[in-house]
Amino acid sequence: MTDAFKEMYEVILNRRENPQEGSYTCYLFEKGLDKILKKCGEECTEMVIAAKNADNDELANEINDLFYHVAVLMAERGLTVEEVDDIMRERAKKIGNLKQFHTSDHNT
């Protein structure tokens, strides 16, 4: 993960432990998992629309919004950046490896 993502995640954890009045992050934690998941879905949809519209500035902003809300979700569920990073590193080792797929004849 990038340093910026880790820094954002740390700020999110800090907001959870030290709530600040008027903080959007604190608002999300107060509303709970359903609200956080709803925002993840909304931001994902907005990212898809930005990609379809071929506006890279808008797309970059929507990706950042999605990353933020995913980080809030991670904090809510107690998932660390390191846990996600470990999986990402393992998957990166597999890039380029073709999987053999079983083909079946559905007509028989």
PDB file of N, CA and C in Angstrom:
ATOM      1  N   MET A   1       0.842  -1.182   0.000  1.00  0.00           N
ATOM      2  CA  MET A   1       0.000   0.000   0.000  1.00  0.00           C
ATOM      3  C   MET A   1       0.886   1.244   0.000  1.00  0.00           C
ATOM      4  N   THR A   2       0.354   2.292  -0.502  1.00  0.00           N
ATOM      5  CA  THR A   2       1.129   3.524  -0.539  1.00  0.00           C
ATOM      6  C   THR A   2       1.190   4.164   0.846  1.00  0.00           C
ATOM      7  N   ASP A   3       2.185   4.992   1.042  1.00  0.00           N
ATOM      8  CA  ASP A   3       2.303   5.717   2.304  1.00  0.00           C
ATOM      9  C   ASP A   3       1.089   6.609   2.539  1.00  0.00           C
ATOM     10  N   ALA A   4       0.568   7.209   1.478  1.00  0.00           N
ATOM     11  CA  ALA A   4      -0.590   8.091   1.612  1.00  0.00           C
ATOM     12  C   ALA A   4      -1.803   7.317   2.123  1.00  0.00           C
ATOM     13  N   PHE A   5      -2.005   6.103   1.624  1.00  0.00           N
ATOM     14  CA  PHE A   5      -3.127   5.290   2.098  1.00  0.00           C
ATOM     15  C   PHE A   5      -2.936   4.948   3.572  1.00  0.00           C
ATOM     16  N   LYS A   6      -1.719   4.551   3.931  1.00  0.00           N
ATOM     17  CA  LYS A   6      -1.427   4.220   5.336  1.00  0.00           C
ATOM     18  C   LYS A   6      -1.650   5.426   6.237  1.00  0.00           C
ATOM     19  N   GLU A   7      -1.224   6.598   5.783  1.00  0.00           N
ATOM     20  CA  GLU A   7      -1.418   7.817   6.569  1.00  0.00           C
ATOM     21  C   GLU A   7      -2.906   8.123   6.736  1.00  0.00           C
ATOM     22  N   MET A   8      -3.669   7.976   5.668  1.00  0.00           N
ATOM     23  CA  MET A   8      -5.108   8.214   5.738  1.00  0.00           C
ATOM     24  C   MET A   8      -5.753   7.225   6.710  1.00  0.00           C
ATOM     25  N   TYR A   9      -5.345   5.967   6.631  1.00  0.00           N
ATOM     26  CA  TYR A   9      -5.876   4.940   7.527  1.00  0.00           C
ATOM     27  C   TYR A   9      -5.571   5.277   8.986  1.00  0.00           C
ATOM     28  N   GLU A  10      -4.371   5.763   9.254  1.00  0.00           N
ATOM     29  CA  GLU A  10      -3.993   6.147  10.617  1.00  0.00           C
ATOM     30  C   GLU A  10      -4.857   7.305  11.123  1.00  0.00           C
ATOM     31  N   VAL A  11      -5.145   8.263  10.256  1.00  0.00           N
ATOM     32  CA  VAL A  11      -6.031   9.373  10.637  1.00  0.00           C
ATOM     33  C   VAL A  11      -7.426   8.829  10.956  1.00  0.00           C
ATOM     34  N   ILE A  12      -7.898   7.898  10.146  1.00  0.00           N
ATOM     35  CA  ILE A  12      -9.212   7.287  10.372  1.00  0.00           C
ATOM     36  C   ILE A  12      -9.236   6.571  11.719  1.00  0.00           C
ATOM     37  N   LEU A  13      -8.194   5.793  12.017  1.00  0.00           N
ATOM     38  CA  LEU A  13      -8.113   5.116  13.313  1.00  0.00           C
ATOM     39  C   LEU A  13      -8.095   6.123  14.454  1.00  0.00           C
ATOM     40  N   ASN A  14      -7.366   7.215  14.265  1.00  0.00           N
ATOM     41  CA  ASN A  14      -7.306   8.254  15.288  1.00  0.00           C
ATOM     42  C   ASN A  14      -8.676   8.875  15.516  1.00  0.00           C
ATOM     43  N   ARG A  15      -9.428   9.112  14.446  1.00  0.00           N
ATOM     44  CA  ARG A  15     -10.780   9.687  14.585  1.00  0.00           C
ATOM     45  C   ARG A  15     -11.691   8.722  15.337  1.00  0.00           C
ATOM     46  N   ARG A  16     -11.478   7.441  15.112  1.00  0.00           N
ATOM     47  CA  ARG A  16     -12.306   6.450  15.803  1.00  0.00           C
ATOM     48  C   ARG A  16     -11.999   6.440  17.302  1.00  0.00           C
ATOM     49  N   GLU A  17     -10.731   6.557  17.644  1.00  0.00           N
ATOM     50  CA  GLU A  17     -10.319   6.534  19.050  1.00  0.00           C
ATOM     51  C   GLU A  17     -10.512   7.881  19.733  1.00  0.00           C
ATOM     52  N   ASN A  18     -10.420   8.954  18.961  1.00  0.00           N
ATOM     53  CA  ASN A  18     -10.527  10.316  19.502  1.00  0.00           C
ATOM     54  C   ASN A  18     -11.526  11.121  18.668  1.00  0.00           C
ATOM     55  N   PRO A  19     -12.812  10.846  18.856  1.00  0.00           N
ATOM     56  CA  PRO A  19     -13.827  11.520  18.040  1.00  0.00           C
ATOM     57  C   PRO A  19     -13.725  13.043  18.115  1.00  0.00           C
ATOM     58  N   GLN A  20     -13.953  13.662  16.957  1.00  0.00           N
ATOM     59  CA  GLN A  20     -13.944  15.114  16.871  1.00  0.00           C
ATOM     60  C   GLN A  20     -15.286  15.578  16.320  1.00  0.00           C
ATOM     61  N   GLU A  21     -15.837  16.564  16.961  1.00  0.00           N
ATOM     62  CA  GLU A  21     -17.128  17.100  16.528  1.00  0.00           C
ATOM     63  C   GLU A  21     -17.022  17.628  15.105  1.00  0.00           C
ATOM     64  N   GLY A  22     -17.980  17.298  14.291  1.00  0.00           N
ATOM     65  CA  GLY A  22     -18.018  17.762  12.918  1.00  0.00           C
ATOM     66  C   GLY A  22     -17.208  16.913  11.948  1.00  0.00           C
ATOM     67  N   SER A  23     -16.573  15.856  12.434  1.00  0.00           N
ATOM     68  CA  SER A  23     -15.766  14.995  11.578  1.00  0.00           C
ATOM     69  C   SER A  23     -16.663  14.038  10.801  1.00  0.00           C
ATOM     70  N   TYR A  24     -16.491  14.033   9.473  1.00  0.00           N
ATOM     71  CA  TYR A  24     -17.254  13.111   8.628  1.00  0.00           C
ATOM     72  C   TYR A  24     -16.902  11.666   8.966  1.00  0.00           C
ATOM     73  N   THR A  25     -15.644  11.410   9.252  1.00  0.00           N
ATOM     74  CA  THR A  25     -15.221  10.057   9.610  1.00  0.00           C
ATOM     75  C   THR A  25     -15.938   9.604  10.878  1.00  0.00           C
ATOM     76  N   CYS A  26     -16.006  10.463  11.863  1.00  0.00           N
ATOM     77  CA  CYS A  26     -16.702  10.131  13.107  1.00  0.00           C
ATOM     78  C   CYS A  26     -18.188   9.891  12.846  1.00  0.00           C
ATOM     79  N   TYR A  27     -18.771  10.686  11.974  1.00  0.00           N
ATOM     80  CA  TYR A  27     -20.169  10.498  11.588  1.00  0.00           C
ATOM     81  C   TYR A  27     -20.387   9.097  11.029  1.00  0.00           C
ATOM     82  N   LEU A  28     -19.479   8.656  10.154  1.00  0.00           N
ATOM     83  CA  LEU A  28     -19.615   7.316   9.577  1.00  0.00           C
ATOM     84  C   LEU A  28     -19.539   6.245  10.659  1.00  0.00           C
ATOM     85  N   PHE A  29     -18.598   6.381  11.575  1.00  0.00           N
ATOM     86  CA  PHE A  29     -18.489   5.403  12.661  1.00  0.00           C
ATOM     87  C   PHE A  29     -19.732   5.413  13.544  1.00  0.00           C
ATOM     88  N   GLU A  30     -20.287   6.604  13.791  1.00  0.00           N
ATOM     89  CA  GLU A  30     -21.504   6.709  14.608  1.00  0.00           C
ATOM     90  C   GLU A  30     -22.675   6.002  13.938  1.00  0.00           C
ATOM     91  N   LYS A  31     -22.775   6.137  12.626  1.00  0.00           N
ATOM     92  CA  LYS A  31     -23.891   5.537  11.892  1.00  0.00           C
ATOM     93  C   LYS A  31     -23.725   4.031  11.727  1.00  0.00           C
ATOM     94  N   GLY A  32     -22.492   3.558  11.732  1.00  0.00           N
ATOM     95  CA  GLY A  32     -22.266   2.124  11.722  1.00  0.00           C
ATOM     96  C   GLY A  32     -22.013   1.505  10.357  1.00  0.00           C
ATOM     97  N   LEU A  33     -21.926   0.183  10.398  1.00  0.00           N
ATOM     98  CA  LEU A  33     -21.519  -0.591   9.235  1.00  0.00           C
ATOM     99  C   LEU A  33     -22.426  -0.389   8.022  1.00  0.00           C
ATOM    100  N   ASP A  34     -23.740  -0.367   8.229  1.00  0.00           N
ATOM    101  CA  ASP A  34     -24.644  -0.215   7.086  1.00  0.00           C
ATOM    102  C   ASP A  34     -24.384   1.079   6.325  1.00  0.00           C
ATOM    103  N   LYS A  35     -24.169   2.178   7.045  1.00  0.00           N
ATOM    104  CA  LYS A  35     -23.895   3.472   6.400  1.00  0.00           C
ATOM    105  C   LYS A  35     -22.562   3.423   5.674  1.00  0.00           C
ATOM    106  N   ILE A  36     -21.551   2.819   6.293  1.00  0.00           N
ATOM    107  CA  ILE A  36     -20.225   2.719   5.670  1.00  0.00           C
ATOM    108  C   ILE A  36     -20.318   1.904   4.382  1.00  0.00           C
ATOM    109  N   LEU A  37     -21.029   0.794   4.434  1.00  0.00           N
ATOM    110  CA  LEU A  37     -21.193  -0.051   3.241  1.00  0.00           C
ATOM    111  C   LEU A  37     -21.966   0.681   2.144  1.00  0.00           C
ATOM    112  N   LYS A  38     -22.985   1.431   2.539  1.00  0.00           N
ATOM    113  CA  LYS A  38     -23.757   2.210   1.566  1.00  0.00           C
ATOM    114  C   LYS A  38     -22.846   3.210   0.854  1.00  0.00           C
ATOM    115  N   LYS A  39     -21.990   3.890   1.616  1.00  0.00           N
ATOM    116  CA  LYS A  39     -21.074   4.864   1.022  1.00  0.00           C
ATOM    117  C   LYS A  39     -20.057   4.169   0.107  1.00  0.00           C
ATOM    118  N   CYS A  40     -19.577   2.999   0.486  1.00  0.00           N
ATOM    119  CA  CYS A  40     -18.657   2.256  -0.390  1.00  0.00           C
ATOM    120  C   CYS A  40     -19.336   1.961  -1.721  1.00  0.00           C
ATOM    121  N   GLY A  41     -20.581   1.513  -1.661  1.00  0.00           N
ATOM    122  CA  GLY A  41     -21.331   1.218  -2.883  1.00  0.00           C
ATOM    123  C   GLY A  41     -21.547   2.453  -3.735  1.00  0.00           C
ATOM    124  N   GLU A  42     -21.916   3.552  -3.106  1.00  0.00           N
ATOM    125  CA  GLU A  42     -22.128   4.810  -3.835  1.00  0.00           C
ATOM    126  C   GLU A  42     -20.849   5.259  -4.530  1.00  0.00           C
ATOM    127  N   GLU A  43     -19.750   5.214  -3.795  1.00  0.00           N
ATOM    128  CA  GLU A  43     -18.480   5.678  -4.375  1.00  0.00           C
ATOM    129  C   GLU A  43     -18.008   4.755  -5.493  1.00  0.00           C
ATOM    130  N   CYS A  44     -18.264   3.481  -5.354  1.00  0.00           N
ATOM    131  CA  CYS A  44     -17.903   2.543  -6.409  1.00  0.00           C
ATOM    132  C   CYS A  44     -18.683   2.857  -7.681  1.00  0.00           C
ATOM    133  N   THR A  45     -19.964   3.119  -7.536  1.00  0.00           N
ATOM    134  CA  THR A  45     -20.799   3.467  -8.684  1.00  0.00           C
ATOM    135  C   THR A  45     -20.330   4.772  -9.321  1.00  0.00           C
ATOM    136  N   GLU A  46     -20.004   5.760  -8.503  1.00  0.00           N
ATOM    137  CA  GLU A  46     -19.516   7.033  -9.027  1.00  0.00           C
ATOM    138  C   GLU A  46     -18.190   6.857  -9.757  1.00  0.00           C
ATOM    139  N   MET A  47     -17.355   5.945  -9.269  1.00  0.00           N
ATOM    140  CA  MET A  47     -16.090   5.655  -9.945  1.00  0.00           C
ATOM    141  C   MET A  47     -16.342   5.034 -11.320  1.00  0.00           C
ATOM    142  N   VAL A  48     -17.285   4.124 -11.390  1.00  0.00           N
ATOM    143  CA  VAL A  48     -17.615   3.473 -12.658  1.00  0.00           C
ATOM    144  C   VAL A  48     -18.128   4.508 -13.666  1.00  0.00           C
ATOM    145  N   ILE A  49     -18.984   5.403 -13.216  1.00  0.00           N
ATOM    146  CA  ILE A  49     -19.526   6.438 -14.104  1.00  0.00           C
ATOM    147  C   ILE A  49     -18.416   7.366 -14.585  1.00  0.00           C
ATOM    148  N   ALA A  50     -17.517   7.746 -13.687  1.00  0.00           N
ATOM    149  CA  ALA A  50     -16.395   8.611 -14.083  1.00  0.00           C
ATOM    150  C   ALA A  50     -15.524   7.905 -15.115  1.00  0.00           C
ATOM    151  N   ALA A  51     -15.295   6.624 -14.948  1.00  0.00           N
ATOM    152  CA  ALA A  51     -14.486   5.869 -15.919  1.00  0.00           C
ATOM    153  C   ALA A  51     -15.190   5.818 -17.262  1.00  0.00           C
ATOM    154  N   LYS A  52     -16.491   5.607 -17.239  1.00  0.00           N
ATOM    155  CA  LYS A  52     -17.279   5.560 -18.471  1.00  0.00           C
ATOM    156  C   LYS A  52     -17.260   6.905 -19.184  1.00  0.00           C
ATOM    157  N   ASN A  53     -17.231   7.984 -18.426  1.00  0.00           N
ATOM    158  CA  ASN A  53     -17.238   9.326 -19.006  1.00  0.00           C
ATOM    159  C   ASN A  53     -15.859   9.759 -19.492  1.00  0.00           C
ATOM    160  N   ALA A  54     -14.858   8.918 -19.270  1.00  0.00           N
ATOM    161  CA  ALA A  54     -13.490   9.172 -19.745  1.00  0.00           C
ATOM    162  C   ALA A  54     -12.911  10.479 -19.207  1.00  0.00           C
ATOM    163  N   ASP A  55     -13.268  10.808 -17.975  1.00  0.00           N
ATOM    164  CA  ASP A  55     -12.738  12.007 -17.319  1.00  0.00           C
ATOM    165  C   ASP A  55     -11.753  11.543 -16.244  1.00  0.00           C
ATOM    166  N   ASN A  56     -10.467  11.552 -16.576  1.00  0.00           N
ATOM    167  CA  ASN A  56      -9.475  11.009 -15.655  1.00  0.00           C
ATOM    168  C   ASN A  56      -9.336  11.808 -14.362  1.00  0.00           C
ATOM    169  N   ASP A  57      -9.561  13.112 -14.403  1.00  0.00           N
ATOM    170  CA  ASP A  57      -9.524  13.904 -13.163  1.00  0.00           C
ATOM    171  C   ASP A  57     -10.659  13.476 -12.232  1.00  0.00           C
ATOM    172  N   GLU A  58     -11.842  13.362 -12.803  1.00  0.00           N
ATOM    173  CA  GLU A  58     -12.995  12.911 -12.012  1.00  0.00           C
ATOM    174  C   GLU A  58     -12.759  11.473 -11.525  1.00  0.00           C
ATOM    175  N   LEU A  59     -12.228  10.626 -12.389  1.00  0.00           N
ATOM    176  CA  LEU A  59     -11.964   9.236 -12.028  1.00  0.00           C
ATOM    177  C   LEU A  59     -10.980   9.148 -10.861  1.00  0.00           C
ATOM    178  N   ALA A  60      -9.902   9.916 -10.913  1.00  0.00           N
ATOM    179  CA  ALA A  60      -8.919   9.905  -9.824  1.00  0.00           C
ATOM    180  C   ALA A  60      -9.566  10.341  -8.509  1.00  0.00           C
ATOM    181  N   ASN A  61     -10.426  11.346  -8.567  1.00  0.00           N
ATOM    182  CA  ASN A  61     -11.115  11.803  -7.362  1.00  0.00           C
ATOM    183  C   ASN A  61     -12.072  10.748  -6.819  1.00  0.00           C
ATOM    184  N   GLU A  62     -12.798  10.095  -7.706  1.00  0.00           N
ATOM    185  CA  GLU A  62     -13.734   9.060  -7.260  1.00  0.00           C
ATOM    186  C   GLU A  62     -13.004   7.838  -6.709  1.00  0.00           C
ATOM    187  N   ILE A  63     -11.862   7.492  -7.301  1.00  0.00           N
ATOM    188  CA  ILE A  63     -11.065   6.389  -6.766  1.00  0.00           C
ATOM    189  C   ILE A  63     -10.593   6.740  -5.356  1.00  0.00           C
ATOM    190  N   ASN A  64     -10.161   7.970  -5.152  1.00  0.00           N
ATOM    191  CA  ASN A  64      -9.743   8.398  -3.816  1.00  0.00           C
ATOM    192  C   ASN A  64     -10.904   8.361  -2.827  1.00  0.00           C
ATOM    193  N   ASP A  65     -12.082   8.778  -3.268  1.00  0.00           N
ATOM    194  CA  ASP A  65     -13.253   8.697  -2.393  1.00  0.00           C
ATOM    195  C   ASP A  65     -13.547   7.245  -2.020  1.00  0.00           C
ATOM    196  N   LEU A  66     -13.435   6.348  -2.998  1.00  0.00           N
ATOM    197  CA  LEU A  66     -13.669   4.932  -2.730  1.00  0.00           C
ATOM    198  C   LEU A  66     -12.615   4.386  -1.771  1.00  0.00           C
ATOM    199  N   PHE A  67     -11.348   4.715  -2.013  1.00  0.00           N
ATOM    200  CA  PHE A  67     -10.275   4.264  -1.118  1.00  0.00           C
ATOM    201  C   PHE A  67     -10.532   4.722   0.317  1.00  0.00           C
ATOM    202  N   TYR A  68     -10.949   5.978   0.473  1.00  0.00           N
ATOM    203  CA  TYR A  68     -11.238   6.511   1.807  1.00  0.00           C
ATOM    204  C   TYR A  68     -12.324   5.682   2.494  1.00  0.00           C
ATOM    205  N   HIS A  69     -13.424   5.454   1.792  1.00  0.00           N
ATOM    206  CA  HIS A  69     -14.531   4.729   2.403  1.00  0.00           C
ATOM    207  C   HIS A  69     -14.173   3.263   2.660  1.00  0.00           C
ATOM    208  N   VAL A  70     -13.342   2.672   1.808  1.00  0.00           N
ATOM    209  CA  VAL A  70     -12.857   1.314   2.057  1.00  0.00           C
ATOM    210  C   VAL A  70     -11.969   1.299   3.299  1.00  0.00           C
ATOM    211  N   ALA A  71     -11.160   2.326   3.475  1.00  0.00           N
ATOM    212  CA  ALA A  71     -10.315   2.419   4.670  1.00  0.00           C
ATOM    213  C   ALA A  71     -11.163   2.551   5.931  1.00  0.00           C
ATOM    214  N   VAL A  72     -12.247   3.307   5.859  1.00  0.00           N
ATOM    215  CA  VAL A  72     -13.170   3.408   6.991  1.00  0.00           C
ATOM    216  C   VAL A  72     -13.776   2.029   7.276  1.00  0.00           C
ATOM    217  N   LEU A  73     -14.154   1.316   6.229  1.00  0.00           N
ATOM    218  CA  LEU A  73     -14.683  -0.040   6.386  1.00  0.00           C
ATOM    219  C   LEU A  73     -13.652  -0.954   7.055  1.00  0.00           C
ATOM    220  N   MET A  74     -12.421  -0.867   6.597  1.00  0.00           N
ATOM    221  CA  MET A  74     -11.352  -1.672   7.193  1.00  0.00           C
ATOM    222  C   MET A  74     -11.235  -1.386   8.688  1.00  0.00           C
ATOM    223  N   ALA A  75     -11.231  -0.110   9.051  1.00  0.00           N
ATOM    224  CA  ALA A  75     -11.123   0.266  10.460  1.00  0.00           C
ATOM    225  C   ALA A  75     -12.327  -0.229  11.254  1.00  0.00           C
ATOM    226  N   GLU A  76     -13.497  -0.107  10.680  1.00  0.00           N
ATOM    227  CA  GLU A  76     -14.721  -0.553  11.351  1.00  0.00           C
ATOM    228  C   GLU A  76     -14.671  -2.053  11.636  1.00  0.00           C
ATOM    229  N   ARG A  77     -14.116  -2.815  10.703  1.00  0.00           N
ATOM    230  CA  ARG A  77     -14.054  -4.268  10.858  1.00  0.00           C
ATOM    231  C   ARG A  77     -12.763  -4.759  11.500  1.00  0.00           C
ATOM    232  N   GLY A  78     -11.858  -3.837  11.843  1.00  0.00           N
ATOM    233  CA  GLY A  78     -10.622  -4.218  12.507  1.00  0.00           C
ATOM    234  C   GLY A  78      -9.596  -4.856  11.588  1.00  0.00           C
ATOM    235  N   LEU A  79      -9.689  -4.560  10.312  1.00  0.00           N
ATOM    236  CA  LEU A  79      -8.759  -5.084   9.313  1.00  0.00           C
ATOM    237  C   LEU A  79      -7.632  -4.076   9.124  1.00  0.00           C
ATOM    238  N   THR A  80      -6.408  -4.532   9.261  1.00  0.00           N
ATOM    239  CA  THR A  80      -5.277  -3.612   9.167  1.00  0.00           C
ATOM    240  C   THR A  80      -4.776  -3.481   7.738  1.00  0.00           C
ATOM    241  N   VAL A  81      -4.064  -2.401   7.500  1.00  0.00           N
ATOM    242  CA  VAL A  81      -3.427  -2.185   6.204  1.00  0.00           C
ATOM    243  C   VAL A  81      -2.432  -3.312   5.937  1.00  0.00           C
ATOM    244  N   GLU A  82      -1.743  -3.739   6.961  1.00  0.00           N
ATOM    245  CA  GLU A  82      -0.741  -4.799   6.804  1.00  0.00           C
ATOM    246  C   GLU A  82      -1.375  -6.107   6.348  1.00  0.00           C
ATOM    247  N   GLU A  83      -2.555  -6.422   6.854  1.00  0.00           N
ATOM    248  CA  GLU A  83      -3.235  -7.655   6.431  1.00  0.00           C
ATOM    249  C   GLU A  83      -3.586  -7.613   4.950  1.00  0.00           C
ATOM    250  N   VAL A  84      -4.086  -6.483   4.510  1.00  0.00           N
ATOM    251  CA  VAL A  84      -4.430  -6.329   3.092  1.00  0.00           C
ATOM    252  C   VAL A  84      -3.164  -6.315   2.244  1.00  0.00           C
ATOM    253  N   ASP A  85      -2.148  -5.630   2.732  1.00  0.00           N
ATOM    254  CA  ASP A  85      -0.877  -5.540   2.024  1.00  0.00           C
ATOM    255  C   ASP A  85      -0.238  -6.921   1.861  1.00  0.00           C
ATOM    256  N   ASP A  86      -0.313  -7.751   2.889  1.00  0.00           N
ATOM    257  CA  ASP A  86       0.243  -9.105   2.800  1.00  0.00           C
ATOM    258  C   ASP A  86      -0.424  -9.908   1.683  1.00  0.00           C
ATOM    259  N   ILE A  87      -1.743  -9.809   1.599  1.00  0.00           N
ATOM    260  CA  ILE A  87      -2.469 -10.515   0.546  1.00  0.00           C
ATOM    261  C   ILE A  87      -2.097  -9.958  -0.817  1.00  0.00           C
ATOM    262  N   MET A  88      -1.981  -8.637  -0.912  1.00  0.00           N
ATOM    263  CA  MET A  88      -1.616  -8.007  -2.180  1.00  0.00           C
ATOM    264  C   MET A  88      -0.235  -8.474  -2.640  1.00  0.00           C
ATOM    265  N   ARG A  89       0.697  -8.577  -1.712  1.00  0.00           N
ATOM    266  CA  ARG A  89       2.047  -9.042  -2.052  1.00  0.00           C
ATOM    267  C   ARG A  89       2.033 -10.491  -2.535  1.00  0.00           C
ATOM    268  N   GLU A  90       1.244 -11.332  -1.883  1.00  0.00           N
ATOM    269  CA  GLU A  90       1.135 -12.731  -2.310  1.00  0.00           C
ATOM    270  C   GLU A  90       0.530 -12.823  -3.708  1.00  0.00           C
ATOM    271  N   ARG A  91      -0.491 -12.039  -3.964  1.00  0.00           N
ATOM    272  CA  ARG A  91      -1.115 -12.051  -5.287  1.00  0.00           C
ATOM    273  C   ARG A  91      -0.181 -11.513  -6.360  1.00  0.00           C
ATOM    274  N   ALA A  92       0.653 -10.544  -5.991  1.00  0.00           N
ATOM    275  CA  ALA A  92       1.591  -9.976  -6.962  1.00  0.00           C
ATOM    276  C   ALA A  92       2.586 -11.033  -7.439  1.00  0.00           C
ATOM    277  N   LYS A  93       2.900 -11.989  -6.577  1.00  0.00           N
ATOM    278  CA  LYS A  93       3.812 -13.067  -6.965  1.00  0.00           C
ATOM    279  C   LYS A  93       3.209 -13.966  -8.033  1.00  0.00           C
ATOM    280  N   LYS A  94       1.888 -13.982  -8.113  1.00  0.00           N
ATOM    281  CA  LYS A  94       1.183 -14.860  -9.043  1.00  0.00           C
ATOM    282  C   LYS A  94       0.881 -14.191 -10.379  1.00  0.00           C
ATOM    283  N   ILE A  95       1.131 -12.899 -10.477  1.00  0.00           N
ATOM    284  CA  ILE A  95       0.819 -12.181 -11.713  1.00  0.00           C
ATOM    285  C   ILE A  95       1.609 -12.796 -12.852  1.00  0.00           C
ATOM    286  N   GLY A  96       0.912 -13.063 -13.915  1.00  0.00           N
ATOM    287  CA  GLY A  96       1.555 -13.644 -15.089  1.00  0.00           C
ATOM    288  C   GLY A  96       1.412 -15.150 -15.160  1.00  0.00           C
ATOM    289  N   ASN A  97       1.024 -15.759 -14.067  1.00  0.00           N
ATOM    290  CA  ASN A  97       0.805 -17.201 -14.088  1.00  0.00           C
ATOM    291  C   ASN A  97      -0.575 -17.475 -14.663  1.00  0.00           C
ATOM    292  N   LEU A  98      -0.610 -18.250 -15.728  1.00  0.00           N
ATOM    293  CA  LEU A  98      -1.892 -18.598 -16.326  1.00  0.00           C
ATOM    294  C   LEU A  98      -2.478 -19.788 -15.606  1.00  0.00           C
ATOM    295  N   LYS A  99      -3.751 -19.717 -15.322  1.00  0.00           N
ATOM    296  CA  LYS A  99      -4.427 -20.842 -14.699  1.00  0.00           C
ATOM    297  C   LYS A  99      -5.011 -21.715 -15.808  1.00  0.00           C
ATOM    298  N   GLN A 100      -4.946 -22.987 -15.595  1.00  0.00           N
ATOM    299  CA  GLN A 100      -5.554 -23.930 -16.517  1.00  0.00           C
ATOM    300  C   GLN A 100      -7.026 -24.067 -16.143  1.00  0.00           C
ATOM    301  N   PHE A 101      -7.880 -23.839 -17.104  1.00  0.00           N
ATOM    302  CA  PHE A 101      -9.298 -23.962 -16.846  1.00  0.00           C
ATOM    303  C   PHE A 101      -9.821 -25.244 -17.492  1.00  0.00           C
ATOM    304  N   HIS A 102     -10.659 -25.931 -16.776  1.00  0.00           N
ATOM    305  CA  HIS A 102     -11.294 -27.137 -17.288  1.00  0.00           C
ATOM    306  C   HIS A 102     -12.414 -26.700 -18.222  1.00  0.00           C
ATOM    307  N   THR A 103     -12.379 -27.214 -19.413  1.00  0.00           N
ATOM    308  CA  THR A 103     -13.458 -26.908 -20.351  1.00  0.00           C
ATOM    309  C   THR A 103     -14.377 -28.109 -20.415  1.00  0.00           C
ATOM    310  N   SER A 104     -15.627 -27.861 -20.408  1.00  0.00           N
ATOM    311  CA  SER A 104     -16.592 -28.959 -20.484  1.00  0.00           C
ATOM    312  C   SER A 104     -17.551 -28.710 -21.623  1.00  0.00           C
ATOM    313  N   ASP A 105     -18.026 -29.768 -22.164  1.00  0.00           N
ATOM    314  CA  ASP A 105     -18.997 -29.714 -23.241  1.00  0.00           C
ATOM    315  C   ASP A 105     -20.381 -29.806 -22.614  1.00  0.00           C
ATOM    316  N   HIS A 106     -21.085 -28.693 -22.600  1.00  0.00           N
ATOM    317  CA  HIS A 106     -22.401 -28.662 -21.951  1.00  0.00           C
ATOM    318  C   HIS A 106     -23.474 -29.333 -22.794  1.00  0.00           C
ATOM    319  N   ASN A 107     -23.114 -29.767 -23.996  1.00  0.00           N
ATOM    320  CA  ASN A 107     -24.085 -30.433 -24.860  1.00  0.00           C
ATOM    321  C   ASN A 107     -24.166 -31.930 -24.600  1.00  0.00           C
ATOM    322  N   THR A 108     -23.305 -32.469 -23.765  1.00  0.00           N
ATOM    323  CA  THR A 108     -23.337 -33.918 -23.522  1.00  0.00           C
ATOM    324  C   THR A 108     -23.913 -34.239 -22.171  1.00  0.00           C
TER     325      THR A 108
END
